[in-house]
N, C-alpha and C. Protein backbone atom coordinates (compact mmCIF):
# COMPACT_ATOMS: atom_id res chain seq x y z
N MET A 1 78.68 40.03 -152.53
CA MET A 1 79.00 41.06 -152.78
C MET A 1 80.45 41.24 -153.40
N ASN A 2 80.66 41.62 -155.09
CA ASN A 2 81.51 41.42 -154.95
C ASN A 2 81.88 43.25 -155.19
N ILE A 3 82.98 43.79 -155.28
CA ILE A 3 83.61 45.15 -155.10
C ILE A 3 84.52 44.80 -156.09
N GLU A 4 84.60 45.73 -157.29
CA GLU A 4 85.23 45.69 -158.15
C GLU A 4 86.58 46.61 -157.30
N LYS A 5 87.68 46.21 -157.33
CA LYS A 5 88.70 47.30 -156.85
C LYS A 5 89.13 48.34 -157.95
N LYS A 6 88.93 49.19 -158.18
CA LYS A 6 89.67 50.03 -159.48
C LYS A 6 91.35 50.00 -159.84
N LYS A 7 91.52 49.53 -160.66
CA LYS A 7 93.17 49.55 -160.55
C LYS A 7 93.93 50.41 -161.53
N THR A 8 94.55 50.78 -160.52
CA THR A 8 95.77 52.53 -160.26
C THR A 8 97.23 52.31 -160.71
N SER A 9 97.56 52.72 -162.51
CA SER A 9 99.01 52.81 -162.76
C SER A 9 99.88 53.17 -161.58
N PRO A 10 101.12 52.42 -161.83
CA PRO A 10 101.77 52.80 -161.03
C PRO A 10 102.47 54.30 -161.02
N ALA A 11 102.71 55.35 -162.37
CA ALA A 11 102.66 56.25 -162.52
C ALA A 11 102.23 57.20 -161.60
N LEU A 12 100.66 56.93 -161.96
CA LEU A 12 99.75 58.15 -161.28
C LEU A 12 99.29 58.05 -159.51
N PHE A 13 99.71 56.56 -159.00
CA PHE A 13 100.04 56.35 -157.79
C PHE A 13 100.79 57.05 -157.23
N VAL A 14 102.25 57.36 -157.61
CA VAL A 14 103.43 58.29 -157.46
C VAL A 14 103.16 59.86 -157.16
N ARG A 15 102.16 59.95 -158.49
CA ARG A 15 101.73 61.76 -158.81
C ARG A 15 100.92 61.96 -157.15
N GLN A 16 99.74 60.68 -156.90
CA GLN A 16 98.85 61.01 -156.10
C GLN A 16 99.33 60.71 -154.14
N VAL A 17 101.14 60.18 -154.36
CA VAL A 17 101.42 60.39 -152.91
C VAL A 17 102.17 61.59 -153.03
N ARG A 18 102.49 61.91 -153.64
CA ARG A 18 103.46 63.50 -153.76
C ARG A 18 102.28 64.17 -153.66
N GLN A 19 100.95 63.86 -154.30
CA GLN A 19 100.36 65.66 -153.86
C GLN A 19 99.57 65.69 -152.19
N GLU A 20 99.92 64.03 -151.80
CA GLU A 20 99.42 64.06 -150.63
C GLU A 20 100.62 64.61 -149.30
N MET A 21 101.55 64.24 -149.89
CA MET A 21 102.92 64.57 -149.31
C MET A 21 102.98 66.12 -149.10
N GLN A 22 102.74 66.90 -150.34
CA GLN A 22 102.27 68.35 -150.16
C GLN A 22 101.76 69.19 -149.10
N LYS A 23 100.70 68.08 -148.67
CA LYS A 23 99.48 68.41 -148.03
C LYS A 23 99.86 68.33 -146.44
N ILE A 24 100.90 67.79 -146.25
CA ILE A 24 101.00 67.48 -144.54
C ILE A 24 101.51 68.59 -144.33
N THR A 25 101.28 69.64 -143.34
CA THR A 25 102.12 70.27 -142.12
C THR A 25 103.51 69.28 -141.15
N TRP A 26 104.84 69.67 -141.62
CA TRP A 26 105.64 68.94 -140.96
C TRP A 26 106.05 69.95 -139.68
N PRO A 27 106.35 69.31 -138.13
CA PRO A 27 106.97 70.10 -136.98
C PRO A 27 107.88 70.88 -137.16
N GLN A 28 107.74 72.00 -136.45
CA GLN A 28 109.67 72.91 -136.78
C GLN A 28 110.31 72.17 -135.74
N ARG A 29 111.78 72.10 -136.07
CA ARG A 29 112.72 71.33 -135.56
C ARG A 29 112.85 71.55 -134.19
N ARG A 30 112.16 72.81 -133.10
CA ARG A 30 112.15 73.82 -132.03
C ARG A 30 111.16 72.61 -131.83
N ASP A 31 109.66 72.30 -131.98
CA ASP A 31 108.92 71.52 -131.51
C ASP A 31 109.06 70.06 -131.49
N THR A 32 109.81 69.44 -132.17
CA THR A 32 110.29 68.56 -132.27
C THR A 32 111.04 67.90 -131.03
N PHE A 33 112.34 68.83 -130.99
CA PHE A 33 113.27 68.68 -129.52
C PHE A 33 112.18 68.73 -128.25
N ILE A 34 111.11 69.77 -128.57
CA ILE A 34 110.86 69.78 -126.36
C ILE A 34 109.93 68.49 -126.81
N SER A 35 109.32 68.35 -127.45
CA SER A 35 108.33 66.39 -127.67
C SER A 35 108.97 65.31 -127.55
N SER A 36 110.37 65.45 -127.58
CA SER A 36 111.56 64.54 -127.54
C SER A 36 111.67 64.75 -126.69
N GLY A 37 111.98 65.79 -125.71
CA GLY A 37 112.52 66.38 -124.07
C GLY A 37 111.27 65.33 -123.48
N ILE A 38 110.04 66.07 -123.52
CA ILE A 38 109.33 65.72 -122.80
C ILE A 38 109.09 64.60 -122.56
N VAL A 39 109.16 63.72 -123.51
CA VAL A 39 109.24 62.45 -123.40
C VAL A 39 110.05 61.72 -122.79
N ILE A 40 111.22 61.82 -123.43
CA ILE A 40 112.59 61.28 -122.66
C ILE A 40 111.95 61.62 -120.69
N LEU A 41 112.07 62.89 -120.18
CA LEU A 41 111.78 62.98 -118.94
C LEU A 41 110.34 62.83 -118.38
N LEU A 42 109.39 61.84 -118.94
CA LEU A 42 108.51 61.29 -118.59
C LEU A 42 108.85 59.89 -118.83
N ILE A 43 109.79 59.35 -119.10
CA ILE A 43 110.41 57.91 -119.33
C ILE A 43 111.17 57.73 -117.94
N VAL A 44 112.07 58.83 -117.70
CA VAL A 44 112.32 58.56 -116.65
C VAL A 44 112.08 58.84 -115.72
N LEU A 45 110.68 59.54 -115.30
CA LEU A 45 110.26 59.49 -113.99
C LEU A 45 109.01 58.84 -113.56
N PHE A 46 108.53 58.20 -114.50
CA PHE A 46 107.96 57.01 -114.85
C PHE A 46 109.07 55.75 -114.39
N SER A 47 110.40 55.53 -114.59
CA SER A 47 111.36 54.58 -114.50
C SER A 47 111.78 54.65 -112.76
N LEU A 48 112.02 56.20 -112.43
CA LEU A 48 111.97 55.78 -111.49
C LEU A 48 111.04 55.75 -110.14
N PHE A 49 109.90 55.81 -110.72
CA PHE A 49 108.77 55.74 -110.18
C PHE A 49 108.48 54.46 -109.89
N PHE A 50 108.56 53.45 -110.75
CA PHE A 50 108.22 52.08 -110.78
C PHE A 50 109.47 51.22 -110.09
N LEU A 51 110.93 51.63 -110.14
CA LEU A 51 111.84 51.35 -109.06
C LEU A 51 111.74 51.48 -108.16
N LEU A 52 111.38 52.35 -107.66
CA LEU A 52 110.36 52.58 -105.67
C LEU A 52 109.40 52.17 -105.68
N THR A 53 108.60 52.01 -106.31
CA THR A 53 107.50 51.05 -105.89
C THR A 53 107.57 49.64 -105.60
N ASP A 54 108.13 48.98 -106.81
CA ASP A 54 108.76 47.71 -107.03
C ASP A 54 109.68 47.53 -105.45
N GLN A 55 110.39 48.54 -105.53
CA GLN A 55 110.79 48.38 -103.85
C GLN A 55 110.68 48.36 -102.99
N VAL A 56 109.59 49.22 -102.56
CA VAL A 56 108.86 49.24 -101.10
C VAL A 56 108.23 47.63 -101.57
N TRP A 57 107.25 46.94 -102.82
CA TRP A 57 106.91 45.87 -102.47
C TRP A 57 107.81 44.98 -102.09
N SER A 58 109.06 45.06 -102.72
CA SER A 58 110.00 43.90 -102.77
C SER A 58 110.43 43.62 -101.22
N PHE A 59 110.43 45.11 -100.81
CA PHE A 59 110.71 45.05 -99.22
C PHE A 59 109.82 44.39 -98.16
N ALA A 60 108.05 44.81 -98.49
CA ALA A 60 107.68 44.49 -98.20
C ALA A 60 107.06 43.28 -97.81
N ILE A 61 106.72 42.40 -98.82
CA ILE A 61 106.71 40.88 -99.27
C ILE A 61 108.36 40.11 -98.55
N LYS A 62 109.05 40.26 -98.31
CA LYS A 62 110.09 40.17 -97.42
C LYS A 62 110.06 39.93 -95.86
N LYS A 63 109.42 41.31 -95.50
CA LYS A 63 109.06 40.88 -94.36
C LYS A 63 108.12 40.19 -93.54
N ILE A 64 107.17 40.14 -94.88
CA ILE A 64 106.20 39.14 -94.46
C ILE A 64 106.21 38.12 -94.44
N ILE A 65 106.91 37.27 -95.16
CA ILE A 65 107.62 35.79 -95.42
C ILE A 65 108.59 36.09 -93.95
N GLN A 66 109.14 36.80 -93.43
CA GLN A 66 110.22 36.46 -92.25
C GLN A 66 109.50 36.31 -91.51
N ILE A 67 108.34 36.89 -91.07
CA ILE A 67 107.37 36.85 -90.26
C ILE A 67 106.19 35.58 -90.17
N GLY A 68 106.32 35.29 -91.25
CA GLY A 68 105.74 34.02 -91.48
C GLY A 68 106.37 32.70 -91.41
N SER A 69 107.41 32.88 -91.64
CA SER A 69 108.35 31.90 -91.35
C SER A 69 108.74 31.43 -89.69
N GLY A 70 109.19 32.73 -89.23
CA GLY A 70 109.23 32.65 -87.53
C GLY A 70 110.74 33.22 -87.64
N PHE A 71 111.33 33.56 -88.96
CA PHE A 71 112.94 33.81 -88.45
C PHE A 71 113.02 35.26 -88.20
């Protein structure tokens, strides 16, 4: 199954890229800041959640080991 690809000249490629770039709807500055703020907030919240979860599990495992070893 031999599929021949049509070769595109560099000038035609650049024209096609420009046409496609004109079709893009770029977000407003306000939308970008709001989205970035939400992402940063969620990163902080998830980091705190995983820190707390890690501390609880670490404490529990240390207590279990202490009980098991008899100290």
